[in-house]
Amino acid sequence: ALLAILVVSAWVVYRVARGWWRLADE
C-alpha cells in the first residue's frame, strides 16, 4: 500500500505536469 501510494503520487505529479505542458503548447 505504501509503495502504491508513492507510485501513484509520482504518477499524479507527472499527469498534471505533462498535461499542463502540452496545454501550454496547444
mmCIF file of all heavy atoms, coordinates in Angstrom:
data_MODEL
# 
_entry.id   MODEL 
# 
loop_
_atom_site.group_PDB 
_atom_site.id 
_atom_site.type_symbol 
_atom_site.label_atom_id 
_atom_site.label_alt_id 
_atom_site.label_comp_id 
_atom_site.label_asym_id 
_atom_site.label_entity_id 
_atom_site.label_seq_id 
_atom_site.pdbx_PDB_ins_code 
_atom_site.Cartn_x 
_atom_site.Cartn_y 
_atom_site.Cartn_z 
_atom_site.occupancy 
_atom_site.B_iso_or_equiv 
_atom_site.pdbx_formal_charge 
_atom_site.auth_seq_id 
_atom_site.auth_comp_id 
_atom_site.auth_asym_id 
_atom_site.auth_atom_id 
_atom_site.pdbx_PDB_model_num 
ATOM 1   N N   . ALA A 1 1  ? 0.837  -1.206 0.000   1.00 0.00 ? 1  ALA A N   1 
ATOM 2   C CA  . ALA A 1 1  ? 0.000  0.000  0.000   1.00 0.00 ? 1  ALA A CA  1 
ATOM 3   C C   . ALA A 1 1  ? 0.869  1.251  0.000   1.00 0.00 ? 1  ALA A C   1 
ATOM 4   O O   . ALA A 1 1  ? 0.589  2.205  -0.740  1.00 0.00 ? 1  ALA A O   1 
ATOM 5   C CB  . ALA A 1 1  ? -0.926 -0.006 1.212   1.00 0.00 ? 1  ALA A CB  1 
ATOM 6   N N   . LEU A 1 2  ? 1.919  1.255  0.808   1.00 0.00 ? 2  LEU A N   1 
ATOM 7   C CA  . LEU A 1 2  ? 2.817  2.403  0.841   1.00 0.00 ? 2  LEU A CA  1 
ATOM 8   C C   . LEU A 1 2  ? 3.519  2.591  -0.503  1.00 0.00 ? 2  LEU A C   1 
ATOM 9   O O   . LEU A 1 2  ? 3.651  3.718  -0.992  1.00 0.00 ? 2  LEU A O   1 
ATOM 10  C CB  . LEU A 1 2  ? 3.844  2.245  1.960   1.00 0.00 ? 2  LEU A CB  1 
ATOM 11  C CG  . LEU A 1 2  ? 3.276  2.299  3.382   1.00 0.00 ? 2  LEU A CG  1 
ATOM 12  C CD1 . LEU A 1 2  ? 4.361  1.992  4.408   1.00 0.00 ? 2  LEU A CD1 1 
ATOM 13  C CD2 . LEU A 1 2  ? 2.640  3.644  3.655   1.00 0.00 ? 2  LEU A CD2 1 
ATOM 14  N N   . LEU A 1 3  ? 3.921  1.487  -1.112  1.00 0.00 ? 3  LEU A N   1 
ATOM 15  C CA  . LEU A 1 3  ? 4.537  1.564  -2.436  1.00 0.00 ? 3  LEU A CA  1 
ATOM 16  C C   . LEU A 1 3  ? 3.540  2.109  -3.462  1.00 0.00 ? 3  LEU A C   1 
ATOM 17  O O   . LEU A 1 3  ? 3.874  2.964  -4.281  1.00 0.00 ? 3  LEU A O   1 
ATOM 18  C CB  . LEU A 1 3  ? 5.043  0.189  -2.863  1.00 0.00 ? 3  LEU A CB  1 
ATOM 19  C CG  . LEU A 1 3  ? 5.687  0.127  -4.255  1.00 0.00 ? 3  LEU A CG  1 
ATOM 20  C CD1 . LEU A 1 3  ? 6.925  1.010  -4.310  1.00 0.00 ? 3  LEU A CD1 1 
ATOM 21  C CD2 . LEU A 1 3  ? 6.009  -1.310 -4.608  1.00 0.00 ? 3  LEU A CD2 1 
ATOM 22  N N   . ALA A 1 4  ? 2.301  1.642  -3.389  1.00 0.00 ? 4  ALA A N   1 
ATOM 23  C CA  . ALA A 1 4  ? 1.264  2.115  -4.313  1.00 0.00 ? 4  ALA A CA  1 
ATOM 24  C C   . ALA A 1 4  ? 1.034  3.615  -4.135  1.00 0.00 ? 4  ALA A C   1 
ATOM 25  O O   . ALA A 1 4  ? 0.906  4.351  -5.118  1.00 0.00 ? 4  ALA A O   1 
ATOM 26  C CB  . ALA A 1 4  ? -0.036 1.348  -4.100  1.00 0.00 ? 4  ALA A CB  1 
ATOM 27  N N   . ILE A 1 5  ? 1.012  4.075  -2.899  1.00 0.00 ? 5  ILE A N   1 
ATOM 28  C CA  . ILE A 1 5  ? 0.797  5.497  -2.635  1.00 0.00 ? 5  ILE A CA  1 
ATOM 29  C C   . ILE A 1 5  ? 1.940  6.327  -3.213  1.00 0.00 ? 5  ILE A C   1 
ATOM 30  O O   . ILE A 1 5  ? 1.716  7.371  -3.834  1.00 0.00 ? 5  ILE A O   1 
ATOM 31  C CB  . ILE A 1 5  ? 0.613  5.752  -1.121  1.00 0.00 ? 5  ILE A CB  1 
ATOM 32  C CG1 . ILE A 1 5  ? -0.756 5.221  -0.686  1.00 0.00 ? 5  ILE A CG1 1 
ATOM 33  C CG2 . ILE A 1 5  ? 0.765  7.225  -0.778  1.00 0.00 ? 5  ILE A CG2 1 
ATOM 34  C CD1 . ILE A 1 5  ? -0.960 5.190  0.806   1.00 0.00 ? 5  ILE A CD1 1 
ATOM 35  N N   . LEU A 1 6  ? 3.172  5.855  -3.047  1.00 0.00 ? 6  LEU A N   1 
ATOM 36  C CA  . LEU A 1 6  ? 4.322  6.582  -3.600  1.00 0.00 ? 6  LEU A CA  1 
ATOM 37  C C   . LEU A 1 6  ? 4.284  6.618  -5.125  1.00 0.00 ? 6  LEU A C   1 
ATOM 38  O O   . LEU A 1 6  ? 4.498  7.664  -5.743  1.00 0.00 ? 6  LEU A O   1 
ATOM 39  C CB  . LEU A 1 6  ? 5.624  5.943  -3.124  1.00 0.00 ? 6  LEU A CB  1 
ATOM 40  C CG  . LEU A 1 6  ? 5.985  6.181  -1.666  1.00 0.00 ? 6  LEU A CG  1 
ATOM 41  C CD1 . LEU A 1 6  ? 7.222  5.357  -1.282  1.00 0.00 ? 6  LEU A CD1 1 
ATOM 42  C CD2 . LEU A 1 6  ? 6.232  7.647  -1.405  1.00 0.00 ? 6  LEU A CD2 1 
ATOM 43  N N   . VAL A 1 7  ? 3.996  5.477  -5.734  1.00 0.00 ? 7  VAL A N   1 
ATOM 44  C CA  . VAL A 1 7  ? 3.968  5.406  -7.197  1.00 0.00 ? 7  VAL A CA  1 
ATOM 45  C C   . VAL A 1 7  ? 2.835  6.258  -7.761  1.00 0.00 ? 7  VAL A C   1 
ATOM 46  O O   . VAL A 1 7  ? 3.026  7.022  -8.714  1.00 0.00 ? 7  VAL A O   1 
ATOM 47  C CB  . VAL A 1 7  ? 3.859  3.935  -7.671  1.00 0.00 ? 7  VAL A CB  1 
ATOM 48  C CG1 . VAL A 1 7  ? 3.566  3.852  -9.157  1.00 0.00 ? 7  VAL A CG1 1 
ATOM 49  C CG2 . VAL A 1 7  ? 5.141  3.186  -7.331  1.00 0.00 ? 7  VAL A CG2 1 
ATOM 50  N N   . VAL A 1 8  ? 1.667  6.160  -7.170  1.00 0.00 ? 8  VAL A N   1 
ATOM 51  C CA  . VAL A 1 8  ? 0.521  6.932  -7.662  1.00 0.00 ? 8  VAL A CA  1 
ATOM 52  C C   . VAL A 1 8  ? 0.744  8.427  -7.431  1.00 0.00 ? 8  VAL A C   1 
ATOM 53  O O   . VAL A 1 8  ? 0.367  9.250  -8.272  1.00 0.00 ? 8  VAL A O   1 
ATOM 54  C CB  . VAL A 1 8  ? -0.799 6.434  -7.031  1.00 0.00 ? 8  VAL A CB  1 
ATOM 55  C CG1 . VAL A 1 8  ? -1.958 7.346  -7.397  1.00 0.00 ? 8  VAL A CG1 1 
ATOM 56  C CG2 . VAL A 1 8  ? -1.088 5.015  -7.471  1.00 0.00 ? 8  VAL A CG2 1 
ATOM 57  N N   . SER A 1 9  ? 1.392  8.790  -6.342  1.00 0.00 ? 9  SER A N   1 
ATOM 58  C CA  . SER A 1 9  ? 1.707  10.201 -6.106  1.00 0.00 ? 9  SER A CA  1 
ATOM 59  C C   . SER A 1 9  ? 2.607  10.745 -7.209  1.00 0.00 ? 9  SER A C   1 
ATOM 60  O O   . SER A 1 9  ? 2.367  11.831 -7.739  1.00 0.00 ? 9  SER A O   1 
ATOM 61  C CB  . SER A 1 9  ? 2.372  10.379 -4.746  1.00 0.00 ? 9  SER A CB  1 
ATOM 62  O OG  . SER A 1 9  ? 1.471  10.061 -3.710  1.00 0.00 ? 9  SER A OG  1 
ATOM 63  N N   . ALA A 1 10 ? 3.634  9.987  -7.553  1.00 0.00 ? 10 ALA A N   1 
ATOM 64  C CA  . ALA A 1 10 ? 4.531  10.413 -8.641  1.00 0.00 ? 10 ALA A CA  1 
ATOM 65  C C   . ALA A 1 10 ? 3.773  10.469 -9.962  1.00 0.00 ? 10 ALA A C   1 
ATOM 66  O O   . ALA A 1 10 ? 3.977  11.377 -10.772 1.00 0.00 ? 10 ALA A O   1 
ATOM 67  C CB  . ALA A 1 10 ? 5.719  9.450  -8.748  1.00 0.00 ? 10 ALA A CB  1 
ATOM 68  N N   . TRP A 1 11 ? 2.868  9.526  -10.176 1.00 0.00 ? 11 TRP A N   1 
ATOM 69  C CA  . TRP A 1 11 ? 2.070  9.475  -11.399 1.00 0.00 ? 11 TRP A CA  1 
ATOM 70  C C   . TRP A 1 11 ? 1.167  10.711 -11.497 1.00 0.00 ? 11 TRP A C   1 
ATOM 71  O O   . TRP A 1 11 ? 1.017  11.296 -12.568 1.00 0.00 ? 11 TRP A O   1 
ATOM 72  C CB  . TRP A 1 11 ? 1.262  8.186  -11.421 1.00 0.00 ? 11 TRP A CB  1 
ATOM 73  C CG  . TRP A 1 11 ? 0.395  7.983  -12.602 1.00 0.00 ? 11 TRP A CG  1 
ATOM 74  C CD1 . TRP A 1 11 ? 0.782  7.598  -13.853 1.00 0.00 ? 11 TRP A CD1 1 
ATOM 75  C CD2 . TRP A 1 11 ? -1.029 8.136  -12.662 1.00 0.00 ? 11 TRP A CD2 1 
ATOM 76  N NE1 . TRP A 1 11 ? -0.317 7.494  -14.672 1.00 0.00 ? 11 TRP A NE1 1 
ATOM 77  C CE2 . TRP A 1 11 ? -1.441 7.822  -13.960 1.00 0.00 ? 11 TRP A CE2 1 
ATOM 78  C CE3 . TRP A 1 11 ? -1.999 8.506  -11.724 1.00 0.00 ? 11 TRP A CE3 1 
ATOM 79  C CZ2 . TRP A 1 11 ? -2.765 7.874  -14.357 1.00 0.00 ? 11 TRP A CZ2 1 
ATOM 80  C CZ3 . TRP A 1 11 ? -3.315 8.549  -12.117 1.00 0.00 ? 11 TRP A CZ3 1 
ATOM 81  C CH2 . TRP A 1 11 ? -3.693 8.238  -13.420 1.00 0.00 ? 11 TRP A CH2 1 
ATOM 82  N N   . VAL A 1 12 ? 0.578  11.123 -10.390 1.00 0.00 ? 12 VAL A N   1 
ATOM 83  C CA  . VAL A 1 12 ? -0.284 12.312 -10.376 1.00 0.00 ? 12 VAL A CA  1 
ATOM 84  C C   . VAL A 1 12 ? 0.539  13.549 -10.742 1.00 0.00 ? 12 VAL A C   1 
ATOM 85  O O   . VAL A 1 12 ? 0.112  14.371 -11.568 1.00 0.00 ? 12 VAL A O   1 
ATOM 86  C CB  . VAL A 1 12 ? -0.976 12.494 -9.006  1.00 0.00 ? 12 VAL A CB  1 
ATOM 87  C CG1 . VAL A 1 12 ? -1.571 13.890 -8.860  1.00 0.00 ? 12 VAL A CG1 1 
ATOM 88  C CG2 . VAL A 1 12 ? -2.054 11.442 -8.810  1.00 0.00 ? 12 VAL A CG2 1 
ATOM 89  N N   . VAL A 1 13 ? 1.718  13.692 -10.149 1.00 0.00 ? 13 VAL A N   1 
ATOM 90  C CA  . VAL A 1 13 ? 2.582  14.832 -10.472 1.00 0.00 ? 13 VAL A CA  1 
ATOM 91  C C   . VAL A 1 13 ? 2.906  14.820 -11.959 1.00 0.00 ? 13 VAL A C   1 
ATOM 92  O O   . VAL A 1 13 ? 2.828  15.857 -12.641 1.00 0.00 ? 13 VAL A O   1 
ATOM 93  C CB  . VAL A 1 13 ? 3.870  14.805 -9.617  1.00 0.00 ? 13 VAL A CB  1 
ATOM 94  C CG1 . VAL A 1 13 ? 4.876  15.831 -10.108 1.00 0.00 ? 13 VAL A CG1 1 
ATOM 95  C CG2 . VAL A 1 13 ? 3.540  15.028 -8.147  1.00 0.00 ? 13 VAL A CG2 1 
ATOM 96  N N   . TYR A 1 14 ? 3.253  13.656 -12.486 1.00 0.00 ? 14 TYR A N   1 
ATOM 97  C CA  . TYR A 1 14 ? 3.557  13.513 -13.917 1.00 0.00 ? 14 TYR A CA  1 
ATOM 98  C C   . TYR A 1 14 ? 2.358  13.918 -14.772 1.00 0.00 ? 14 TYR A C   1 
ATOM 99  O O   . TYR A 1 14 ? 2.498  14.669 -15.741 1.00 0.00 ? 14 TYR A O   1 
ATOM 100 C CB  . TYR A 1 14 ? 3.970  12.069 -14.221 1.00 0.00 ? 14 TYR A CB  1 
ATOM 101 C CG  . TYR A 1 14 ? 3.838  11.694 -15.671 1.00 0.00 ? 14 TYR A CG  1 
ATOM 102 C CD1 . TYR A 1 14 ? 4.778  12.112 -16.613 1.00 0.00 ? 14 TYR A CD1 1 
ATOM 103 C CD2 . TYR A 1 14 ? 2.753  10.928 -16.112 1.00 0.00 ? 14 TYR A CD2 1 
ATOM 104 C CE1 . TYR A 1 14 ? 4.646  11.774 -17.956 1.00 0.00 ? 14 TYR A CE1 1 
ATOM 105 C CE2 . TYR A 1 14 ? 2.618  10.587 -17.438 1.00 0.00 ? 14 TYR A CE2 1 
ATOM 106 C CZ  . TYR A 1 14 ? 3.563  11.014 -18.359 1.00 0.00 ? 14 TYR A CZ  1 
ATOM 107 O OH  . TYR A 1 14 ? 3.425  10.683 -19.680 1.00 0.00 ? 14 TYR A OH  1 
ATOM 108 N N   . ARG A 1 15 ? 1.168  13.416 -14.437 1.00 0.00 ? 15 ARG A N   1 
ATOM 109 C CA  . ARG A 1 15 ? -0.022 13.692 -15.251 1.00 0.00 ? 15 ARG A CA  1 
ATOM 110 C C   . ARG A 1 15 ? -0.364 15.182 -15.254 1.00 0.00 ? 15 ARG A C   1 
ATOM 111 O O   . ARG A 1 15 ? -0.712 15.734 -16.303 1.00 0.00 ? 15 ARG A O   1 
ATOM 112 C CB  . ARG A 1 15 ? -1.228 12.889 -14.743 1.00 0.00 ? 15 ARG A CB  1 
ATOM 113 C CG  . ARG A 1 15 ? -1.097 11.381 -14.798 1.00 0.00 ? 15 ARG A CG  1 
ATOM 114 C CD  . ARG A 1 15 ? -1.524 10.808 -16.081 1.00 0.00 ? 15 ARG A CD  1 
ATOM 115 N NE  . ARG A 1 15 ? -2.943 10.956 -16.330 1.00 0.00 ? 15 ARG A NE  1 
ATOM 116 C CZ  . ARG A 1 15 ? -3.578 10.309 -17.287 1.00 0.00 ? 15 ARG A CZ  1 
ATOM 117 N NH1 . ARG A 1 15 ? -2.952 9.458  -18.064 1.00 0.00 ? 15 ARG A NH1 1 
ATOM 118 N NH2 . ARG A 1 15 ? -4.864 10.515 -17.492 1.00 0.00 ? 15 ARG A NH2 1 
ATOM 119 N N   . VAL A 1 16 ? -0.279 15.828 -14.110 1.00 0.00 ? 16 VAL A N   1 
ATOM 120 C CA  . VAL A 1 16 ? -0.578 17.258 -14.046 1.00 0.00 ? 16 VAL A CA  1 
ATOM 121 C C   . VAL A 1 16 ? 0.469  18.039 -14.833 1.00 0.00 ? 16 VAL A C   1 
ATOM 122 O O   . VAL A 1 16 ? 0.129  18.906 -15.650 1.00 0.00 ? 16 VAL A O   1 
ATOM 123 C CB  . VAL A 1 16 ? -0.668 17.754 -12.582 1.00 0.00 ? 16 VAL A CB  1 
ATOM 124 C CG1 . VAL A 1 16 ? -0.759 19.271 -12.517 1.00 0.00 ? 16 VAL A CG1 1 
ATOM 125 C CG2 . VAL A 1 16 ? -1.869 17.115 -11.877 1.00 0.00 ? 16 VAL A CG2 1 
ATOM 126 N N   . ALA A 1 17 ? 1.743  17.725 -14.634 1.00 0.00 ? 17 ALA A N   1 
ATOM 127 C CA  . ALA A 1 17 ? 2.814  18.452 -15.323 1.00 0.00 ? 17 ALA A CA  1 
ATOM 128 C C   . ALA A 1 17 ? 2.763  18.225 -16.837 1.00 0.00 ? 17 ALA A C   1 
ATOM 129 O O   . ALA A 1 17 ? 2.850  19.180 -17.620 1.00 0.00 ? 17 ALA A O   1 
ATOM 130 C CB  . ALA A 1 17 ? 4.173  18.028 -14.767 1.00 0.00 ? 17 ALA A CB  1 
ATOM 131 N N   . ARG A 1 18 ? 2.619  16.970 -17.257 1.00 0.00 ? 18 ARG A N   1 
ATOM 132 C CA  . ARG A 1 18 ? 2.597  16.685 -18.695 1.00 0.00 ? 18 ARG A CA  1 
ATOM 133 C C   . ARG A 1 18 ? 1.387  17.334 -19.369 1.00 0.00 ? 18 ARG A C   1 
ATOM 134 O O   . ARG A 1 18 ? 1.492  17.914 -20.459 1.00 0.00 ? 18 ARG A O   1 
ATOM 135 C CB  . ARG A 1 18 ? 2.587  15.187 -18.942 1.00 0.00 ? 18 ARG A CB  1 
ATOM 136 C CG  . ARG A 1 18 ? 2.590  14.880 -20.430 1.00 0.00 ? 18 ARG A CG  1 
ATOM 137 C CD  . ARG A 1 18 ? 2.728  13.418 -20.716 1.00 0.00 ? 18 ARG A CD  1 
ATOM 138 N NE  . ARG A 1 18 ? 2.805  13.220 -22.163 1.00 0.00 ? 18 ARG A NE  1 
ATOM 139 C CZ  . ARG A 1 18 ? 2.312  12.191 -22.782 1.00 0.00 ? 18 ARG A CZ  1 
ATOM 140 N NH1 . ARG A 1 18 ? 1.731  11.221 -22.090 1.00 0.00 ? 18 ARG A NH1 1 
ATOM 141 N NH2 . ARG A 1 18 ? 2.404  12.080 -24.081 1.00 0.00 ? 18 ARG A NH2 1 
ATOM 142 N N   . GLY A 1 19 ? 0.240  17.230 -18.736 1.00 0.00 ? 19 GLY A N   1 
ATOM 143 C CA  . GLY A 1 19 ? -0.961 17.823 -19.308 1.00 0.00 ? 19 GLY A CA  1 
ATOM 144 C C   . GLY A 1 19 ? -0.855 19.326 -19.442 1.00 0.00 ? 19 GLY A C   1 
ATOM 145 O O   . GLY A 1 19 ? -1.186 19.903 -20.488 1.00 0.00 ? 19 GLY A O   1 
ATOM 146 N N   . TRP A 1 20 ? -0.377 19.975 -18.395 1.00 0.00 ? 20 TRP A N   1 
ATOM 147 C CA  . TRP A 1 20 ? -0.273 21.434 -18.423 1.00 0.00 ? 20 TRP A CA  1 
ATOM 148 C C   . TRP A 1 20 ? 0.762  21.877 -19.450 1.00 0.00 ? 20 TRP A C   1 
ATOM 149 O O   . TRP A 1 20 ? 0.586  22.873 -20.141 1.00 0.00 ? 20 TRP A O   1 
ATOM 150 C CB  . TRP A 1 20 ? 0.086  21.944 -17.039 1.00 0.00 ? 20 TRP A CB  1 
ATOM 151 C CG  . TRP A 1 20 ? -0.459 23.312 -16.739 1.00 0.00 ? 20 TRP A CG  1 
ATOM 152 C CD1 . TRP A 1 20 ? -1.127 24.152 -17.591 1.00 0.00 ? 20 TRP A CD1 1 
ATOM 153 C CD2 . TRP A 1 20 ? -0.391 23.999 -15.494 1.00 0.00 ? 20 TRP A CD2 1 
ATOM 154 N NE1 . TRP A 1 20 ? -1.466 25.316 -16.950 1.00 0.00 ? 20 TRP A NE1 1 
ATOM 155 C CE2 . TRP A 1 20 ? -1.035 25.241 -15.654 1.00 0.00 ? 20 TRP A CE2 1 
ATOM 156 C CE3 . TRP A 1 20 ? 0.140  23.682 -14.256 1.00 0.00 ? 20 TRP A CE3 1 
ATOM 157 C CZ2 . TRP A 1 20 ? -1.143 26.166 -14.624 1.00 0.00 ? 20 TRP A CZ2 1 
ATOM 158 C CZ3 . TRP A 1 20 ? 0.023  24.597 -13.234 1.00 0.00 ? 20 TRP A CZ3 1 
ATOM 159 C CH2 . TRP A 1 20 ? -0.612 25.827 -13.412 1.00 0.00 ? 20 TRP A CH2 1 
ATOM 160 N N   . TRP A 1 21 ? 1.840  21.124 -19.561 1.00 0.00 ? 21 TRP A N   1 
ATOM 161 C CA  . TRP A 1 21 ? 2.882  21.442 -20.537 1.00 0.00 ? 21 TRP A CA  1 
ATOM 162 C C   . TRP A 1 21 ? 2.325  21.368 -21.960 1.00 0.00 ? 21 TRP A C   1 
ATOM 163 O O   . TRP A 1 21 ? 2.540  22.253 -22.781 1.00 0.00 ? 21 TRP A O   1 
ATOM 164 C CB  . TRP A 1 21 ? 4.034  20.458 -20.390 1.00 0.00 ? 21 TRP A CB  1 
ATOM 165 C CG  . TRP A 1 21 ? 5.284  20.831 -21.133 1.00 0.00 ? 21 TRP A CG  1 
ATOM 166 C CD1 . TRP A 1 21 ? 5.386  21.176 -22.451 1.00 0.00 ? 21 TRP A CD1 1 
ATOM 167 C CD2 . TRP A 1 21 ? 6.594  20.898 -20.614 1.00 0.00 ? 21 TRP A CD2 1 
ATOM 168 N NE1 . TRP A 1 21 ? 6.682  21.430 -22.781 1.00 0.00 ? 21 TRP A NE1 1 
ATOM 169 C CE2 . TRP A 1 21 ? 7.452  21.264 -21.669 1.00 0.00 ? 21 TRP A CE2 1 
ATOM 170 C CE3 . TRP A 1 21 ? 7.136  20.653 -19.367 1.00 0.00 ? 21 TRP A CE3 1 
ATOM 171 C CZ2 . TRP A 1 21 ? 8.821  21.403 -21.495 1.00 0.00 ? 21 TRP A CZ2 1 
ATOM 172 C CZ3 . TRP A 1 21 ? 8.495  20.795 -19.206 1.00 0.00 ? 21 TRP A CZ3 1 
ATOM 173 C CH2 . TRP A 1 21 ? 9.309  21.171 -20.262 1.00 0.00 ? 21 TRP A CH2 1 
ATOM 174 N N   . ARG A 1 22 ? 1.596  20.297 -22.258 1.00 0.00 ? 22 ARG A N   1 
ATOM 175 C CA  . ARG A 1 22 ? 1.020  20.146 -23.601 1.00 0.00 ? 22 ARG A CA  1 
ATOM 176 C C   . ARG A 1 22 ? -0.050 21.203 -23.859 1.00 0.00 ? 22 ARG A C   1 
ATOM 177 O O   . ARG A 1 22 ? -0.197 21.680 -24.976 1.00 0.00 ? 22 ARG A O   1 
ATOM 178 C CB  . ARG A 1 22 ? 0.485  18.733 -23.799 1.00 0.00 ? 22 ARG A CB  1 
ATOM 179 C CG  . ARG A 1 22 ? 1.633  17.725 -23.961 1.00 0.00 ? 22 ARG A CG  1 
ATOM 180 C CD  . ARG A 1 22 ? 1.146  16.338 -24.285 1.00 0.00 ? 22 ARG A CD  1 
ATOM 181 N NE  . ARG A 1 22 ? 0.469  16.251 -25.563 1.00 0.00 ? 22 ARG A NE  1 
ATOM 182 C CZ  . ARG A 1 22 ? 1.057  15.948 -26.717 1.00 0.00 ? 22 ARG A CZ  1 
ATOM 183 N NH1 . ARG A 1 22 ? 2.353  15.738 -26.772 1.00 0.00 ? 22 ARG A NH1 1 
ATOM 184 N NH2 . ARG A 1 22 ? 0.349  15.853 -27.828 1.00 0.00 ? 22 ARG A NH2 1 
ATOM 185 N N   . LEU A 1 23 ? -0.787 21.576 -22.836 1.00 0.00 ? 23 LEU A N   1 
ATOM 186 C CA  . LEU A 1 23 ? -1.778 22.643 -22.982 1.00 0.00 ? 23 LEU A CA  1 
ATOM 187 C C   . LEU A 1 23 ? -1.085 23.954 -23.353 1.00 0.00 ? 23 LEU A C   1 
ATOM 188 O O   . LEU A 1 23 ? -1.548 24.683 -24.229 1.00 0.00 ? 23 LEU A O   1 
ATOM 189 C CB  . LEU A 1 23 ? -2.589 22.809 -21.699 1.00 0.00 ? 23 LEU A CB  1 
ATOM 190 C CG  . LEU A 1 23 ? -3.600 23.951 -21.690 1.00 0.00 ? 23 LEU A CG  1 
ATOM 191 C CD1 . LEU A 1 23 ? -4.696 23.723 -22.716 1.00 0.00 ? 23 LEU A CD1 1 
ATOM 192 C CD2 . LEU A 1 23 ? -4.191 24.119 -20.295 1.00 0.00 ? 23 LEU A CD2 1 
ATOM 193 N N   . ALA A 1 24 ? 0.022  24.238 -22.697 1.00 0.00 ? 24 ALA A N   1 
ATOM 194 C CA  . ALA A 1 24 ? 0.761  25.468 -22.993 1.00 0.00 ? 24 ALA A CA  1 
ATOM 195 C C   . ALA A 1 24 ? 1.243  25.487 -24.446 1.00 0.00 ? 24 ALA A C   1 
ATOM 196 O O   . ALA A 1 24 ? 1.320  26.551 -25.058 1.00 0.00 ? 24 ALA A O   1 
ATOM 197 C CB  . ALA A 1 24 ? 1.952  25.612 -22.044 1.00 0.00 ? 24 ALA A CB  1 
ATOM 198 N N   . ASP A 1 25 ? 1.529  24.308 -24.997 1.00 0.00 ? 25 ASP A N   1 
ATOM 199 C CA  . ASP A 1 25 ? 1.950  24.206 -26.397 1.00 0.00 ? 25 ASP A CA  1 
ATOM 200 C C   . ASP A 1 25 ? 0.769  24.025 -27.352 1.00 0.00 ? 25 ASP A C   1 
ATOM 201 O O   . ASP A 1 25 ? 0.966  23.785 -28.540 1.00 0.00 ? 25 ASP A O   1 
ATOM 202 C CB  . ASP A 1 25 ? 2.919  23.023 -26.572 1.00 0.00 ? 25 ASP A CB  1 
ATOM 203 C CG  . ASP A 1 25 ? 4.267  23.277 -25.912 1.00 0.00 ? 25 ASP A CG  1 
ATOM 204 O OD1 . ASP A 1 25 ? 4.625  24.459 -25.709 1.00 0.00 ? 25 ASP A OD1 1 
ATOM 205 O OD2 . ASP A 1 25 ? 4.968  22.296 -25.601 1.00 0.00 ? 25 ASP A OD2 1 
ATOM 206 N N   . GLU A 1 26 ? -0.448 24.099 -26.807 1.00 0.00 ? 26 GLU A N   1 
ATOM 207 C CA  . GLU A 1 26 ? -1.691 23.927 -27.569 1.00 0.00 ? 26 GLU A CA  1 
ATOM 208 C C   . GLU A 1 26 ? -1.729 22.593 -28.309 1.00 0.00 ? 26 GLU A C   1 
ATOM 209 O O   . GLU A 1 26 ? -2.151 22.510 -29.466 1.00 0.00 ? 26 GLU A O   1 
ATOM 210 C CB  . GLU A 1 26 ? -1.911 25.102 -28.519 1.00 0.00 ? 26 GLU A CB  1 
ATOM 211 C CG  . GLU A 1 26 ? -2.103 26.414 -27.793 1.00 0.00 ? 26 GLU A CG  1 
ATOM 212 C CD  . GLU A 1 26 ? -2.450 27.575 -28.714 1.00 0.00 ? 26 GLU A CD  1 
ATOM 213 O OE1 . GLU A 1 26 ? -2.477 27.397 -29.952 1.00 0.00 ? 26 GLU A OE1 1 
ATOM 214 O OE2 . GLU A 1 26 ? -2.729 28.657 -28.174 1.00 0.00 ? 26 GLU A OE2 1 
# 
